[in-house]
PDB file of all heavy atoms in Angstrom:
ATOM      1  N   GLY A   1      39.959  84.608   6.398  1.00  0.00           N
ATOM      2  CA  GLY A   1      40.177  86.042   6.242  1.00  0.00           C
ATOM      3  C   GLY A   1      39.436  86.666   5.081  1.00  0.00           C
ATOM      4  O   GLY A   1      38.766  85.997   4.306  1.00  0.00           O
ATOM      5  N   PRO A   2      39.567  87.994   4.947  1.00  0.00           N
ATOM      6  CA  PRO A   2      38.805  88.752   3.961  1.00  0.00           C
ATOM      7  C   PRO A   2      39.504  88.940   2.618  1.00  0.00           C
ATOM      8  O   PRO A   2      38.998  89.642   1.757  1.00  0.00           O
ATOM      9  CB  PRO A   2      38.612  90.099   4.656  1.00  0.00           C
ATOM     10  CG  PRO A   2      39.870  90.254   5.447  1.00  0.00           C
ATOM     11  CD  PRO A   2      40.255  88.878   5.897  1.00  0.00           C
ATOM     12  N   GLY A   3      40.669  88.378   2.431  1.00  0.00           N
ATOM     13  CA  GLY A   3      41.392  88.593   1.178  1.00  0.00           C
ATOM     14  C   GLY A   3      42.427  89.693   1.300  1.00  0.00           C
ATOM     15  O   GLY A   3      42.624  90.279   2.362  1.00  0.00           O
ATOM     16  N   SER A   4      43.077  89.984   0.209  1.00  0.00           N
ATOM     17  CA  SER A   4      44.206  90.930   0.231  1.00  0.00           C
ATOM     18  C   SER A   4      43.794  92.381   0.046  1.00  0.00           C
ATOM     19  O   SER A   4      44.588  93.284   0.288  1.00  0.00           O
ATOM     20  CB  SER A   4      45.212  90.553  -0.858  1.00  0.00           C
ATOM     21  OG  SER A   4      44.590  90.588  -2.141  1.00  0.00           O
ATOM     22  N   ASN A   5      42.559  92.638  -0.387  1.00  0.00           N
ATOM     23  CA  ASN A   5      42.125  94.005  -0.673  1.00  0.00           C
ATOM     24  C   ASN A   5      41.615  94.683   0.597  1.00  0.00           C
ATOM     25  O   ASN A   5      40.455  95.090   0.698  1.00  0.00           O
ATOM     26  CB  ASN A   5      41.039  94.002  -1.754  1.00  0.00           C
ATOM     27  CG  ASN A   5      40.681  95.412  -2.209  1.00  0.00           C
ATOM     28  OD1 ASN A   5      41.554  96.278  -2.287  1.00  0.00           O
ATOM     29  ND2 ASN A   5      39.415  95.637  -2.497  1.00  0.00           N
ATOM     30  N   MET A   6      42.514  94.806   1.590  1.00  0.00           N
ATOM     31  CA  MET A   6      42.165  95.399   2.883  1.00  0.00           C
ATOM     32  C   MET A   6      43.303  96.314   3.330  1.00  0.00           C
ATOM     33  O   MET A   6      44.460  96.111   2.969  1.00  0.00           O
ATOM     34  CB  MET A   6      41.933  94.315   3.933  1.00  0.00           C
ATOM     35  CG  MET A   6      40.895  93.267   3.565  1.00  0.00           C
ATOM     36  SD  MET A   6      39.201  93.896   3.469  1.00  0.00           S
ATOM     37  CE  MET A   6      38.877  94.243   5.197  1.00  0.00           C
ATOM     38  N   SER A   7      42.956  97.291   4.158  1.00  0.00           N
ATOM     39  CA  SER A   7      43.966  98.232   4.655  1.00  0.00           C
ATOM     40  C   SER A   7      44.613  97.786   5.958  1.00  0.00           C
ATOM     41  O   SER A   7      45.797  98.041   6.195  1.00  0.00           O
ATOM     42  CB  SER A   7      43.335  99.611   4.870  1.00  0.00           C
ATOM     43  OG  SER A   7      42.866 100.164   3.672  1.00  0.00           O
ATOM     44  N   PHE A   8      43.855  97.118   6.831  1.00  0.00           N
ATOM     45  CA  PHE A   8      44.333  96.850   8.181  1.00  0.00           C
ATOM     46  C   PHE A   8      44.486  95.374   8.501  1.00  0.00           C
ATOM     47  O   PHE A   8      44.888  95.024   9.608  1.00  0.00           O
ATOM     48  CB  PHE A   8      43.377  97.477   9.206  1.00  0.00           C
ATOM     49  CG  PHE A   8      43.072  98.918   8.931  1.00  0.00           C
ATOM     50  CD1 PHE A   8      41.759  99.381   8.937  1.00  0.00           C
ATOM     51  CD2 PHE A   8      44.080  99.818   8.650  1.00  0.00           C
ATOM     52  CE1 PHE A   8      41.472 100.703   8.681  1.00  0.00           C
ATOM     53  CE2 PHE A   8      43.805 101.149   8.384  1.00  0.00           C
ATOM     54  CZ  PHE A   8      42.503 101.599   8.399  1.00  0.00           C
ATOM     55  N   ILE A   9      44.151  94.497   7.550  1.00  0.00           N
ATOM     56  CA  ILE A   9      44.233  93.063   7.773  1.00  0.00           C
ATOM     57  C   ILE A   9      45.187  92.450   6.759  1.00  0.00           C
ATOM     58  O   ILE A   9      45.060  92.679   5.563  1.00  0.00           O
ATOM     59  CB  ILE A   9      42.850  92.384   7.619  1.00  0.00           C
ATOM     60  CG1 ILE A   9      41.840  93.008   8.584  1.00  0.00           C
ATOM     61  CG2 ILE A   9      42.957  90.888   7.830  1.00  0.00           C
ATOM     62  CD1 ILE A   9      42.140  92.776  10.037  1.00  0.00           C
ATOM     63  N   ASN A  10      46.149  91.690   7.268  1.00  0.00           N
ATOM     64  CA  ASN A  10      47.048  90.920   6.412  1.00  0.00           C
ATOM     65  C   ASN A  10      46.904  89.464   6.813  1.00  0.00           C
ATOM     66  O   ASN A  10      47.355  89.070   7.879  1.00  0.00           O
ATOM     67  CB  ASN A  10      48.496  91.372   6.581  1.00  0.00           C
ATOM     68  CG  ASN A  10      48.668  92.864   6.349  1.00  0.00           C
ATOM     69  OD1 ASN A  10      48.810  93.628   7.300  1.00  0.00           O
ATOM     70  ND2 ASN A  10      48.648  93.273   5.105  1.00  0.00           N
ATOM     71  N   GLU A  11      46.261  88.669   5.974  1.00  0.00           N
ATOM     72  CA  GLU A  11      45.990  87.278   6.348  1.00  0.00           C
ATOM     73  C   GLU A  11      47.279  86.527   6.674  1.00  0.00           C
ATOM     74  O   GLU A  11      48.318  86.815   6.088  1.00  0.00           O
ATOM     75  CB  GLU A  11      45.247  86.595   5.200  1.00  0.00           C
ATOM     76  CG  GLU A  11      43.865  87.149   4.954  1.00  0.00           C
ATOM     77  CD  GLU A  11      43.133  86.364   3.875  1.00  0.00           C
ATOM     78  OE1 GLU A  11      43.623  85.295   3.468  1.00  0.00           O
ATOM     79  OE2 GLU A  11      42.076  86.825   3.441  1.00  0.00           O
ATOM     80  N   PRO A  12      47.209  85.540   7.570  1.00  0.00           N
ATOM     81  CA  PRO A  12      46.032  85.166   8.347  1.00  0.00           C
ATOM     82  C   PRO A  12      45.837  86.059   9.571  1.00  0.00           C
ATOM     83  O   PRO A  12      46.737  86.812   9.949  1.00  0.00           O
ATOM     84  CB  PRO A  12      46.359  83.740   8.781  1.00  0.00           C
ATOM     85  CG  PRO A  12      47.851  83.762   8.943  1.00  0.00           C
ATOM     86  CD  PRO A  12      48.358  84.666   7.839  1.00  0.00           C
ATOM     87  N   GLY A  13      44.662  85.962  10.169  1.00  0.00           N
ATOM     88  CA  GLY A  13      44.358  86.634  11.421  1.00  0.00           C
ATOM     89  C   GLY A  13      43.511  85.698  12.248  1.00  0.00           C
ATOM     90  O   GLY A  13      43.318  84.542  11.866  1.00  0.00           O
ATOM     91  N   LEU A  14      43.008  86.175  13.384  1.00  0.00           N
ATOM     92  CA  LEU A  14      42.095  85.360  14.183  1.00  0.00           C
ATOM     93  C   LEU A  14      40.672  85.692  13.772  1.00  0.00           C
ATOM     94  O   LEU A  14      40.240  86.837  13.868  1.00  0.00           O
ATOM     95  CB  LEU A  14      42.289  85.624  15.674  1.00  0.00           C
ATOM     96  CG  LEU A  14      43.560  85.071  16.321  1.00  0.00           C
ATOM     97  CD1 LEU A  14      43.513  85.289  17.824  1.00  0.00           C
ATOM     98  CD2 LEU A  14      43.757  83.593  16.010  1.00  0.00           C
ATOM     99  N   GLU A  15      39.922  84.679  13.333  1.00  0.00           N
ATOM    100  CA  GLU A  15      38.574  84.875  12.824  1.00  0.00           C
ATOM    101  C   GLU A  15      37.589  84.061  13.655  1.00  0.00           C
ATOM    102  O   GLU A  15      37.888  82.944  14.085  1.00  0.00           O
ATOM    103  CB  GLU A  15      38.519  84.421  11.364  1.00  0.00           C
ATOM    104  CG  GLU A  15      37.169  84.507  10.712  1.00  0.00           C
ATOM    105  CD  GLU A  15      37.199  83.877   9.333  1.00  0.00           C
ATOM    106  OE1 GLU A  15      37.797  84.474   8.416  1.00  0.00           O
ATOM    107  OE2 GLU A  15      36.639  82.773   9.171  1.00  0.00           O
ATOM    108  N   GLY A  16      36.387  84.630  13.896  1.00  0.00           N
ATOM    109  CA  GLY A  16      35.378  83.908  14.656  1.00  0.00           C
ATOM    110  C   GLY A  16      34.022  84.550  14.530  1.00  0.00           C
ATOM    111  O   GLY A  16      33.829  85.516  13.778  1.00  0.00           O
ATOM    112  N   SER A  17      33.062  84.021  15.288  1.00  0.00           N
ATOM    113  CA  SER A  17      31.692  84.503  15.244  1.00  0.00           C
ATOM    114  C   SER A  17      31.560  85.834  15.977  1.00  0.00           C
ATOM    115  O   SER A  17      31.954  85.955  17.141  1.00  0.00           O
ATOM    116  CB  SER A  17      30.753  83.472  15.881  1.00  0.00           C
ATOM    117  OG  SER A  17      29.456  84.001  16.030  1.00  0.00           O
ATOM    118  N   ALA A  18      30.958  86.824  15.318  1.00  0.00           N
ATOM    119  CA  ALA A  18      30.777  88.141  15.920  1.00  0.00           C
ATOM    120  C   ALA A  18      29.561  88.194  16.834  1.00  0.00           C
ATOM    121  O   ALA A  18      29.363  89.170  17.554  1.00  0.00           O
ATOM    122  CB  ALA A  18      30.648  89.201  14.825  1.00  0.00           C
ATOM    123  N   SER A  19      28.715  87.161  16.829  1.00  0.00           N
ATOM    124  CA  SER A  19      27.488  87.185  17.621  1.00  0.00           C
ATOM    125  C   SER A  19      27.701  86.768  19.068  1.00  0.00           C
ATOM    126  O   SER A  19      26.813  86.943  19.903  1.00  0.00           O
ATOM    127  CB  SER A  19      26.440  86.267  16.982  1.00  0.00           C
ATOM    128  OG  SER A  19      26.883  84.922  16.981  1.00  0.00           O
ATOM    129  N   LEU A  20      28.872  86.218  19.396  1.00  0.00           N
ATOM    130  CA  LEU A  20      29.157  85.819  20.771  1.00  0.00           C
ATOM    131  C   LEU A  20      29.461  87.047  21.629  1.00  0.00           C
ATOM    132  O   LEU A  20      29.905  88.079  21.139  1.00  0.00           O
ATOM    133  CB  LEU A  20      30.354  84.868  20.802  1.00  0.00           C
ATOM    134  CG  LEU A  20      30.182  83.552  20.046  1.00  0.00           C
ATOM    135  CD1 LEU A  20      31.497  82.776  20.039  1.00  0.00           C
ATOM    136  CD2 LEU A  20      29.063  82.715  20.653  1.00  0.00           C
ATOM    137  N   SER A  21      29.218  86.916  22.936  1.00  0.00           N
ATOM    138  CA  SER A  21      29.503  88.025  23.850  1.00  0.00           C
ATOM    139  C   SER A  21      30.176  87.483  25.117  1.00  0.00           C
ATOM    140  O   SER A  21      29.533  86.809  25.934  1.00  0.00           O
ATOM    141  CB  SER A  21      28.217  88.758  24.208  1.00  0.00           C
ATOM    142  OG  SER A  21      28.487  89.864  25.041  1.00  0.00           O
ATOM    143  N   PRO A  22      31.475  87.734  25.303  1.00  0.00           N
ATOM    144  CA  PRO A  22      32.343  88.413  24.346  1.00  0.00           C
ATOM    145  C   PRO A  22      32.699  87.494  23.183  1.00  0.00           C
ATOM    146  O   PRO A  22      32.672  86.268  23.322  1.00  0.00           O
ATOM    147  CB  PRO A  22      33.583  88.755  25.175  1.00  0.00           C
ATOM    148  CG  PRO A  22      33.651  87.650  26.193  1.00  0.00           C
ATOM    149  CD  PRO A  22      32.216  87.335  26.538  1.00  0.00           C
ATOM    150  N   ALA A  23      33.037  88.099  22.072  1.00  0.00           N
ATOM    151  CA  ALA A  23      33.425  87.312  20.901  1.00  0.00           C
ATOM    152  C   ALA A  23      34.828  86.748  21.061  1.00  0.00           C
ATOM    153  O   ALA A  23      35.146  85.693  20.509  1.00  0.00           O
ATOM    154  CB  ALA A  23      33.347  88.174  19.647  1.00  0.00           C
ATOM    155  N   LEU A  24      35.655  87.445  21.839  1.00  0.00           N
ATOM    156  CA  LEU A  24      37.064  87.073  21.971  1.00  0.00           C
ATOM    157  C   LEU A  24      37.596  87.659  23.267  1.00  0.00           C
ATOM    158  O   LEU A  24      37.177  88.739  23.697  1.00  0.00           O
ATOM    159  CB  LEU A  24      37.851  87.616  20.777  1.00  0.00           C
ATOM    160  CG  LEU A  24      39.354  87.357  20.701  1.00  0.00           C
ATOM    161  CD1 LEU A  24      39.643  85.868  20.593  1.00  0.00           C
ATOM    162  CD2 LEU A  24      39.946  88.089  19.502  1.00  0.00           C
ATOM    163  N   LYS A  25      38.516  86.940  23.903  1.00  0.00           N
ATOM    164  CA  LYS A  25      39.177  87.421  25.117  1.00  0.00           C
ATOM    165  C   LYS A  25      40.672  87.232  24.973  1.00  0.00           C
ATOM    166  O   LYS A  25      41.131  86.248  24.381  1.00  0.00           O
ATOM    167  CB  LYS A  25      38.681  86.648  26.346  1.00  0.00           C
ATOM    168  CG  LYS A  25      39.313  87.105  27.661  1.00  0.00           C
ATOM    169  CD  LYS A  25      38.843  86.262  28.830  1.00  0.00           C
ATOM    170  CE  LYS A  25      39.453  86.749  30.135  1.00  0.00           C
ATOM    171  NZ  LYS A  25      39.081  85.903  31.290  1.00  0.00           N
ATOM    172  N   VAL A  26      41.426  88.183  25.498  1.00  0.00           N
ATOM    173  CA  VAL A  26      42.874  88.029  25.558  1.00  0.00           C
ATOM    174  C   VAL A  26      43.305  88.216  27.006  1.00  0.00           C
ATOM    175  O   VAL A  26      42.911  89.176  27.670  1.00  0.00           O
ATOM    176  CB  VAL A  26      43.613  89.020  24.630  1.00  0.00           C
ATOM    177  CG1 VAL A  26      43.267  90.471  24.931  1.00  0.00           C
ATOM    178  CG2 VAL A  26      45.125  88.802  24.705  1.00  0.00           C
ATOM    179  N   ASP A  27      44.077  87.259  27.519  1.00  0.00           N
ATOM    180  CA  ASP A  27      44.621  87.321  28.876  1.00  0.00           C
ATOM    181  C   ASP A  27      46.108  87.642  28.816  1.00  0.00           C
ATOM    182  O   ASP A  27      46.854  87.024  28.046  1.00  0.00           O
ATOM    183  CB  ASP A  27      44.421  85.982  29.582  1.00  0.00           C
ATOM    184  CG  ASP A  27      42.978  85.738  29.968  1.00  0.00           C
ATOM    185  OD1 ASP A  27      42.512  86.365  30.933  1.00  0.00           O
ATOM    186  OD2 ASP A  27      42.319  84.919  29.284  1.00  0.00           O
ATOM    187  N   PHE A  28      46.526  88.595  29.646  1.00  0.00           N
ATOM    188  CA  PHE A  28      47.939  88.947  29.779  1.00  0.00           C
ATOM    189  C   PHE A  28      48.396  88.408  31.132  1.00  0.00           C
ATOM    190  O   PHE A  28      48.241  89.070  32.154  1.00  0.00           O
ATOM    191  CB  PHE A  28      48.130  90.461  29.698  1.00  0.00           C
ATOM    192  CG  PHE A  28      47.519  91.081  28.476  1.00  0.00           C
ATOM    193  CD1 PHE A  28      46.323  91.790  28.570  1.00  0.00           C
ATOM    194  CD2 PHE A  28      48.115  90.948  27.233  1.00  0.00           C
ATOM    195  CE1 PHE A  28      45.749  92.365  27.451  1.00  0.00           C
ATOM    196  CE2 PHE A  28      47.547  91.512  26.107  1.00  0.00           C
ATOM    197  CZ  PHE A  28      46.352  92.231  26.208  1.00  0.00           C
TER     198      PHE A  28
END
């Protein structure tokens, strides 16, 4: 994660490579 000095992120979160397409998928 990016540390505590953030407005919208409270560690931990899901982190990964931004260069993938798609970078992330969520199935419901």
